[in-house]
Amino acid sequence: MSTKPKGRERGTVAALRGGKVVQAALDQVNEGGLESLTMRRLTERLDTHLPTIYRLFADKDALLDEMAETILARALASQDTADSDWTSRVKGLASGLRSALLAQRDGARIVGGNYAAKRNNLSFIDSLVGCMQDSGLPGESAMWAASSVFCFVLGETLEQQGADGSEADILAGAVSAGGYRHLAAGPAWRLFDFDARFNFGLELFVEGVRRYLSGPVRP
């Protein structure tokens, strides 16, 4: 009696590694968005079985944690540790994170709200906290400042990745109808120049830290 498997042999844990599953999941999101990602679709994409996937990842949340780790690894790879100036390092980390998020569809949604105590997640935040400490901010102030930068980048990227290109015209039409003089003076369409507003916000943050440090002594 033949012991050869019928049809195409499906992948096993021995042949399938976590990194391959994570990349397949990221590819799936790139093609269909985060909503399209299911464990069952992954099994079809990888030509394997659900139990095989679940032996590598306990559930979808565990998989998302590793997807976030992959994105953050790309952000870390872009940082220039040779520059000793804290402002340049903060801007480099923030810009590197933004680029890594934008390179992956729904990247901000994958990374946002991820509190997994994993290497790349902790390393990125640790680098930001180090920058804030080098600026002169002490203890928890440095951690809060680092968190503010991280959340700023996530929020800006989330806004950009959620836009479909029609928002500027819709907003312009609504503002031109009257009653929104401050937006009209802006002009409002500049809200959708995502590069300019990111750079402005980052400069504003850095300058705010400088002003905070040069102000009166705080408890």
Protein backbone atom coordinates (compact mmCIF):
# COMPACT_ATOMS: atom_id res chain seq x y z
CA MET A 1 0.00 0.00 0.00
CA SER A 2 1.39 3.41 -1.00
CA THR A 3 2.28 5.82 1.81
CA LYS A 4 2.70 8.83 -0.48
CA PRO A 5 0.37 11.76 0.30
CA LYS A 6 -2.38 12.37 -2.19
CA GLY A 7 -2.24 15.65 -4.07
CA ARG A 8 0.10 18.45 -3.07
CA GLU A 9 1.75 17.89 0.32
CA ARG A 10 0.75 20.51 2.82
CA GLY A 11 3.25 22.42 4.98
CA THR A 12 4.11 21.19 8.44
CA VAL A 13 5.57 22.98 11.45
CA ALA A 14 8.97 21.58 10.51
CA ALA A 15 8.78 23.26 7.10
CA LEU A 16 6.92 26.36 8.22
CA ARG A 17 8.54 29.02 10.36
CA GLY A 18 7.02 31.95 12.22
CA GLY A 19 8.74 34.52 10.02
CA LYS A 20 7.20 33.03 6.90
CA VAL A 21 3.74 33.13 8.44
CA VAL A 22 4.21 36.75 9.55
CA GLN A 23 5.32 37.81 6.07
CA ALA A 24 2.37 35.99 4.53
CA ALA A 25 0.07 37.81 6.93
CA LEU A 26 1.61 41.18 6.02
CA ASP A 27 1.22 40.35 2.34
CA GLN A 28 -2.41 39.44 2.91
CA VAL A 29 -3.02 42.81 4.56
CA ASN A 30 -1.25 44.59 1.71
CA GLU A 31 -3.62 42.94 -0.74
CA GLY A 32 -6.92 43.15 1.10
CA GLY A 33 -6.52 45.32 4.19
CA LEU A 34 -6.43 44.30 7.82
CA GLU A 35 -10.05 43.10 7.71
CA SER A 36 -9.08 40.46 5.16
CA LEU A 37 -6.62 38.79 7.53
CA THR A 38 -7.94 35.57 9.04
CA MET A 39 -6.14 32.49 10.22
CA ARG A 40 -8.07 30.40 7.73
CA ARG A 41 -6.99 32.58 4.80
CA LEU A 42 -3.41 32.22 6.00
CA THR A 43 -3.66 28.44 5.89
CA GLU A 44 -4.86 28.63 2.30
CA ARG A 45 -2.14 31.09 1.37
CA LEU A 46 0.57 28.92 2.92
CA ASP A 47 -1.01 25.63 1.87
CA THR A 48 -1.03 24.28 5.40
CA HIS A 49 -3.48 23.38 8.18
CA LEU A 50 -4.97 25.52 10.96
CA PRO A 51 -3.37 23.42 13.73
CA THR A 52 0.02 24.11 12.16
CA ILE A 53 -0.55 27.88 12.34
CA TYR A 54 -1.85 27.65 15.90
CA ARG A 55 1.22 25.73 16.99
CA LEU A 56 3.27 28.76 15.96
CA PHE A 57 0.85 31.45 17.15
CA ALA A 58 -1.64 30.91 19.96
CA ASP A 59 -4.20 33.24 18.35
CA LYS A 60 -4.58 36.14 15.93
CA ASP A 61 -3.49 38.66 18.57
CA ALA A 62 -0.19 36.82 18.95
CA LEU A 63 0.26 36.94 15.19
CA LEU A 64 -0.50 40.68 15.14
CA ASP A 65 2.13 41.20 17.84
CA GLU A 66 4.73 39.60 15.59
CA MET A 67 3.54 41.60 12.59
CA ALA A 68 4.06 44.76 14.64
CA GLU A 69 7.52 43.49 15.60
CA THR A 70 8.43 43.13 11.92
CA ILE A 71 7.32 46.68 11.14
CA LEU A 72 9.19 48.08 14.14
CA ALA A 73 12.32 46.18 13.08
CA ARG A 74 12.24 48.12 9.83
CA ALA A 75 11.86 51.36 11.76
CA LEU A 76 14.83 50.51 13.97
CA ALA A 77 16.97 49.64 10.96
CA SER A 78 16.61 53.20 9.68
CA GLN A 79 17.94 54.99 12.78
CA ASP A 80 21.31 56.71 12.75
CA THR A 81 22.92 56.03 16.11
CA ALA A 82 26.06 57.92 15.13
CA ASP A 83 24.34 61.29 15.56
CA SER A 84 24.69 62.43 19.16
CA ASP A 85 22.24 65.35 18.93
CA TRP A 86 18.99 64.35 20.63
CA THR A 87 16.80 66.43 18.30
CA SER A 88 18.20 64.77 15.18
CA ARG A 89 17.80 61.34 16.76
CA VAL A 90 14.18 62.01 17.73
CA LYS A 91 13.37 63.23 14.25
CA GLY A 92 15.16 60.25 12.72
CA LEU A 93 13.29 57.75 14.87
CA ALA A 94 9.95 59.43 14.23
CA SER A 95 10.53 59.66 10.48
CA GLY A 96 11.79 56.07 10.34
CA LEU A 97 8.72 54.83 12.18
CA ARG A 98 6.43 56.78 9.87
CA SER A 99 8.15 55.39 6.77
CA ALA A 100 7.92 51.83 8.09
CA LEU A 101 4.22 52.25 8.90
CA LEU A 102 3.43 53.80 5.52
CA ALA A 103 5.30 51.02 3.71
CA GLN A 104 2.78 48.52 5.08
CA ARG A 105 -0.93 48.84 4.38
CA ASP A 106 -2.75 49.51 7.66
CA GLY A 107 0.65 49.66 9.35
CA ALA A 108 -0.53 52.15 11.96
CA ARG A 109 -3.48 49.91 12.84
CA ILE A 110 -1.18 46.91 13.24
CA VAL A 111 1.29 48.69 15.51
CA GLY A 112 -1.16 50.96 17.34
CA GLY A 113 -2.29 49.71 20.73
CA ASN A 114 0.41 47.05 20.74
CA TYR A 115 1.79 46.70 24.25
CA ALA A 116 3.58 43.39 23.78
CA ALA A 117 6.82 43.30 25.76
CA LYS A 118 8.83 42.16 22.75
CA ARG A 119 12.31 43.06 21.62
CA ASN A 120 11.68 45.53 18.78
CA ASN A 121 8.78 47.23 20.52
CA LEU A 122 10.82 47.76 23.69
CA SER A 123 13.98 48.68 21.77
CA PHE A 124 12.22 51.40 19.80
CA ILE A 125 10.62 52.97 22.87
CA ASP A 126 13.87 52.61 24.81
CA SER A 127 15.68 54.55 22.07
CA LEU A 128 13.08 57.32 22.21
CA VAL A 129 13.27 57.48 26.00
CA GLY A 130 17.06 57.74 25.72
CA CYS A 131 16.70 60.71 23.38
CA MET A 132 14.36 62.42 25.81
CA GLN A 133 16.74 61.79 28.71
CA ASP A 134 19.59 63.25 26.66
CA SER A 135 17.49 66.38 26.11
CA GLY A 136 17.47 66.91 29.88
CA LEU A 137 14.05 65.51 30.73
CA PRO A 138 14.21 63.39 33.88
CA GLY A 139 12.58 60.07 34.78
CA GLU A 140 8.93 59.72 33.96
CA SER A 141 8.93 63.00 31.99
CA ALA A 142 11.27 61.37 29.47
CA MET A 143 8.96 58.36 29.20
CA TRP A 144 5.87 60.53 28.71
CA ALA A 145 7.66 62.60 26.07
CA ALA A 146 8.73 59.44 24.23
CA SER A 147 5.17 58.14 24.37
CA SER A 148 3.90 61.45 22.99
CA VAL A 149 6.22 61.20 19.98
CA PHE A 150 5.24 57.60 19.34
CA CYS A 151 1.52 58.36 19.54
CA PHE A 152 1.92 61.44 17.35
CA VAL A 153 3.51 59.35 14.60
CA LEU A 154 0.84 56.66 14.92
CA GLY A 155 -1.98 59.19 14.80
CA GLU A 156 -0.61 61.05 11.80
CA THR A 157 0.00 57.83 9.91
CA LEU A 158 -3.44 56.48 10.80
CA GLU A 159 -4.99 59.63 9.35
CA GLN A 160 -2.93 59.36 6.17
CA GLN A 161 -3.61 55.66 5.65
CA GLY A 162 -7.32 56.22 6.20
CA ALA A 163 -7.57 58.90 3.49
CA ASP A 164 -8.71 57.88 0.01
CA GLY A 165 -7.91 61.14 -1.80
CA SER A 166 -11.43 62.56 -1.98
CA GLU A 167 -11.37 64.27 1.41
CA ALA A 168 -9.84 67.57 0.28
CA ASP A 169 -12.57 68.24 -2.31
CA ILE A 170 -15.33 67.26 0.11
CA LEU A 171 -13.93 69.52 2.82
CA ALA A 172 -13.40 72.41 0.39
CA GLY A 173 -17.02 72.16 -0.70
CA ALA A 174 -18.29 72.16 2.87
CA VAL A 175 -16.09 75.09 3.92
CA SER A 176 -16.99 77.17 0.85
CA ALA A 177 -20.64 76.97 1.86
CA GLY A 178 -19.77 79.39 4.68
CA GLY A 179 -19.68 79.42 8.45
CA TYR A 180 -16.10 78.15 8.85
CA ARG A 181 -13.98 81.27 8.50
CA HIS A 182 -10.97 79.86 10.34
CA LEU A 183 -10.83 76.78 8.15
CA ALA A 184 -11.34 78.93 5.05
CA ALA A 185 -8.39 81.12 6.04
CA GLY A 186 -6.20 78.05 6.56
CA PRO A 187 -6.82 77.05 3.80
CA ALA A 188 -8.52 73.81 4.84
CA TRP A 189 -7.14 71.67 2.01
CA ARG A 190 -3.69 71.97 3.57
CA LEU A 191 -4.90 69.54 6.21
CA PHE A 192 -4.27 66.84 3.63
CA ASP A 193 -0.65 67.75 2.95
CA PHE A 194 0.42 64.93 5.24
CA ASP A 195 4.16 65.38 4.78
CA ALA A 196 4.04 69.08 5.63
CA ARG A 197 1.83 68.64 8.68
CA PHE A 198 3.96 65.76 9.99
CA ASN A 199 7.13 67.82 9.70
CA PHE A 200 5.44 70.82 11.31
CA GLY A 201 4.12 68.74 14.20
CA LEU A 202 7.50 67.13 14.82
CA GLU A 203 9.26 70.52 14.83
CA LEU A 204 6.58 71.85 17.18
CA PHE A 205 7.16 68.96 19.56
CA VAL A 206 10.94 69.37 19.60
CA GLU A 207 10.65 73.11 20.14
CA GLY A 208 8.12 72.47 22.90
CA VAL A 209 10.62 70.26 24.73
CA ARG A 210 13.27 72.97 24.43
CA ARG A 211 10.89 75.59 25.82
CA TYR A 212 9.84 73.29 28.63
CA LEU A 213 13.44 72.73 29.63
CA SER A 214 14.30 76.43 29.53
CA GLY A 215 11.26 77.43 31.64
CA PRO A 216 10.93 77.65 35.42
CA VAL A 217 11.83 74.60 37.50
CA ARG A 218 8.92 72.15 37.74
CA PRO A 219 8.29 69.49 40.37
